[in-house]
Amino acid sequence: MKKVLFVFALVAGIGAANAQVASEPAPAATESTQMQDEKVKIKAEELPQTIKKQLEGEDYRGWLINAAYHNKAKNTYEVELKNGAETKTVKFDKEGKKVD
């Protein structure tokens, strides 16, 4: 009888420990969510005029805006460009200067 109670207590303890681990949020998911909150998708028309002017230049001839994002925390803009099957992403500050 003591063995049965011991096994039952052991199984109940392991179940409680697993429940506690499962309820804690994963740190990576929290960081990822924060990064996504900073970057907001915007329409191409909402890009500052300085960035639009840069995208009209020789370096981006033939490239079309596929998507645009504004990082409010850093006040930068990320533009996904597409030229046929080729794609690239370029980041700009609010003055239209390319940033890494």
C-alpha atoms as a PDB file:
ATOM      1  CA  MET A   1       0.000   0.000   0.000  1.00  0.00           C
ATOM      2  CA  LYS A   2       2.870   2.374   0.808  1.00  0.00           C
ATOM      3  CA  LYS A   3       4.356   1.718  -2.644  1.00  0.00           C
ATOM      4  CA  VAL A   4       1.074   2.609  -4.353  1.00  0.00           C
ATOM      5  CA  LEU A   5       0.791   5.882  -2.407  1.00  0.00           C
ATOM      6  CA  PHE A   6       4.440   6.703  -3.170  1.00  0.00           C
ATOM      7  CA  VAL A   7       3.965   6.116  -6.912  1.00  0.00           C
ATOM      8  CA  PHE A   8       0.763   8.164  -6.896  1.00  0.00           C
ATOM      9  CA  ALA A   9       2.498  11.058  -5.090  1.00  0.00           C
ATOM     10  CA  LEU A  10       5.432  10.878  -7.501  1.00  0.00           C
ATOM     11  CA  VAL A  11       3.179  10.971 -10.585  1.00  0.00           C
ATOM     12  CA  ALA A  12       1.137  13.851  -9.129  1.00  0.00           C
ATOM     13  CA  GLY A  13       4.349  15.785  -8.386  1.00  0.00           C
ATOM     14  CA  ILE A  14       5.667  15.328 -11.929  1.00  0.00           C
ATOM     15  CA  GLY A  15       2.321  16.436 -13.378  1.00  0.00           C
ATOM     16  CA  ALA A  16       2.355  19.586 -11.257  1.00  0.00           C
ATOM     17  CA  ALA A  17       5.937  20.372 -12.303  1.00  0.00           C
ATOM     18  CA  ASN A  18       5.059  19.986 -16.000  1.00  0.00           C
ATOM     19  CA  ALA A  19       2.037  22.258 -15.606  1.00  0.00           C
ATOM     20  CA  GLN A  20       4.223  25.005 -14.134  1.00  0.00           C
ATOM     21  CA  VAL A  21       6.780  24.778 -16.939  1.00  0.00           C
ATOM     22  CA  ALA A  22       4.111  24.858 -19.635  1.00  0.00           C
ATOM     23  CA  SER A  23       2.475  27.985 -18.226  1.00  0.00           C
ATOM     24  CA  GLU A  24       5.641  30.128 -18.384  1.00  0.00           C
ATOM     25  CA  PRO A  25       6.014  32.186 -21.581  1.00  0.00           C
ATOM     26  CA  ALA A  26       9.003  31.408 -23.763  1.00  0.00           C
ATOM     27  CA  PRO A  27      11.530  34.296 -23.717  1.00  0.00           C
ATOM     28  CA  ALA A  28      12.178  34.074 -27.463  1.00  0.00           C
ATOM     29  CA  ALA A  29       8.484  34.480 -28.252  1.00  0.00           C
ATOM     30  CA  THR A  30       8.284  37.573 -26.050  1.00  0.00           C
ATOM     31  CA  GLU A  31      11.297  39.209 -27.733  1.00  0.00           C
ATOM     32  CA  SER A  32       9.962  38.364 -31.180  1.00  0.00           C
ATOM     33  CA  THR A  33       6.601  39.915 -30.362  1.00  0.00           C
ATOM     34  CA  GLN A  34       8.270  43.112 -29.153  1.00  0.00           C
ATOM     35  CA  MET A  35      10.284  43.374 -32.371  1.00  0.00           C
ATOM     36  CA  GLN A  36       7.168  42.888 -34.468  1.00  0.00           C
ATOM     37  CA  ASP A  37       5.344  45.583 -32.490  1.00  0.00           C
ATOM     38  CA  GLU A  38       8.042  48.106 -33.415  1.00  0.00           C
ATOM     39  CA  LYS A  39       7.766  47.442 -37.165  1.00  0.00           C
ATOM     40  CA  VAL A  40       4.387  48.415 -38.641  1.00  0.00           C
ATOM     41  CA  LYS A  41       3.374  47.702 -42.223  1.00  0.00           C
ATOM     42  CA  ILE A  42       2.454  50.828 -44.156  1.00  0.00           C
ATOM     43  CA  LYS A  43       1.314  51.633 -47.686  1.00  0.00           C
ATOM     44  CA  ALA A  44       3.955  52.730 -50.194  1.00  0.00           C
ATOM     45  CA  GLU A  45       2.159  56.077 -50.440  1.00  0.00           C
ATOM     46  CA  GLU A  46       2.828  56.651 -46.733  1.00  0.00           C
ATOM     47  CA  LEU A  47       6.617  56.615 -47.193  1.00  0.00           C
ATOM     48  CA  PRO A  48       8.242  60.028 -46.686  1.00  0.00           C
ATOM     49  CA  GLN A  49       8.851  61.994 -49.881  1.00  0.00           C
ATOM     50  CA  THR A  50      12.625  61.810 -49.302  1.00  0.00           C
ATOM     51  CA  ILE A  51      12.526  58.001 -49.477  1.00  0.00           C
ATOM     52  CA  LYS A  52      10.258  58.011 -52.518  1.00  0.00           C
ATOM     53  CA  LYS A  53      12.767  60.287 -54.256  1.00  0.00           C
ATOM     54  CA  GLN A  54      15.628  57.887 -53.441  1.00  0.00           C
ATOM     55  CA  LEU A  55      13.646  54.951 -54.835  1.00  0.00           C
ATOM     56  CA  GLU A  56      13.166  56.832 -58.109  1.00  0.00           C
ATOM     57  CA  GLY A  57      16.966  57.065 -58.527  1.00  0.00           C
ATOM     58  CA  GLU A  58      19.264  55.047 -60.771  1.00  0.00           C
ATOM     59  CA  ASP A  59      20.111  52.496 -58.037  1.00  0.00           C
ATOM     60  CA  TYR A  60      16.490  51.313 -57.880  1.00  0.00           C
ATOM     61  CA  ARG A  61      15.481  51.573 -61.547  1.00  0.00           C
ATOM     62  CA  GLY A  62      13.280  48.596 -62.478  1.00  0.00           C
ATOM     63  CA  TRP A  63      12.510  47.738 -58.835  1.00  0.00           C
ATOM     64  CA  LEU A  64       8.933  47.883 -57.554  1.00  0.00           C
ATOM     65  CA  ILE A  65       7.860  48.320 -53.939  1.00  0.00           C
ATOM     66  CA  ASN A  66       6.525  44.997 -52.694  1.00  0.00           C
ATOM     67  CA  ALA A  67       5.990  46.067 -49.049  1.00  0.00           C
ATOM     68  CA  ALA A  68       6.951  48.925 -46.731  1.00  0.00           C
ATOM     69  CA  TYR A  69       7.360  49.068 -42.955  1.00  0.00           C
ATOM     70  CA  HIS A  70       7.914  51.820 -40.400  1.00  0.00           C
ATOM     71  CA  ASN A  71       9.949  51.076 -37.271  1.00  0.00           C
ATOM     72  CA  LYS A  72       8.493  53.604 -34.850  1.00  0.00           C
ATOM     73  CA  ALA A  73      11.075  52.970 -32.117  1.00  0.00           C
ATOM     74  CA  LYS A  74      14.010  53.788 -34.421  1.00  0.00           C
ATOM     75  CA  ASN A  75      12.041  56.032 -36.825  1.00  0.00           C
ATOM     76  CA  THR A  76      13.379  54.077 -39.799  1.00  0.00           C
ATOM     77  CA  TYR A  77      11.680  52.629 -42.838  1.00  0.00           C
ATOM     78  CA  GLU A  78      12.187  49.197 -44.397  1.00  0.00           C
ATOM     79  CA  VAL A  79      11.218  48.727 -48.025  1.00  0.00           C
ATOM     80  CA  GLU A  80      10.963  45.333 -49.724  1.00  0.00           C
ATOM     81  CA  LEU A  81      11.678  45.693 -53.428  1.00  0.00           C
ATOM     82  CA  LYS A  82      10.982  43.251 -56.250  1.00  0.00           C
ATOM     83  CA  ASN A  83      12.421  43.045 -59.762  1.00  0.00           C
ATOM     84  CA  GLY A  84      10.985  40.003 -61.508  1.00  0.00           C
ATOM     85  CA  ALA A  85      11.860  36.979 -59.358  1.00  0.00           C
ATOM     86  CA  GLU A  86      14.576  38.892 -57.489  1.00  0.00           C
ATOM     87  CA  THR A  87      13.838  40.631 -54.167  1.00  0.00           C
ATOM     88  CA  LYS A  88      15.814  42.800 -51.768  1.00  0.00           C
ATOM     89  CA  THR A  89      15.179  44.812 -48.623  1.00  0.00           C
ATOM     90  CA  VAL A  90      16.513  48.334 -48.083  1.00  0.00           C
ATOM     91  CA  LYS A  91      16.361  50.392 -44.872  1.00  0.00           C
ATOM     92  CA  PHE A  92      16.190  54.180 -44.803  1.00  0.00           C
ATOM     93  CA  ASP A  93      16.116  56.837 -42.108  1.00  0.00           C
ATOM     94  CA  LYS A  94      13.424  59.523 -42.266  1.00  0.00           C
ATOM     95  CA  GLU A  95      15.705  61.773 -44.385  1.00  0.00           C
ATOM     96  CA  GLY A  96      15.959  59.090 -47.074  1.00  0.00           C
ATOM     97  CA  LYS A  97      19.530  58.024 -46.243  1.00  0.00           C
ATOM     98  CA  LYS A  98      20.244  54.308 -46.536  1.00  0.00           C
ATOM     99  CA  VAL A  99      21.000  52.621 -43.181  1.00  0.00           C
ATOM    100  CA  ASP A 100      22.333  49.168 -42.334  1.00  0.00           C
END
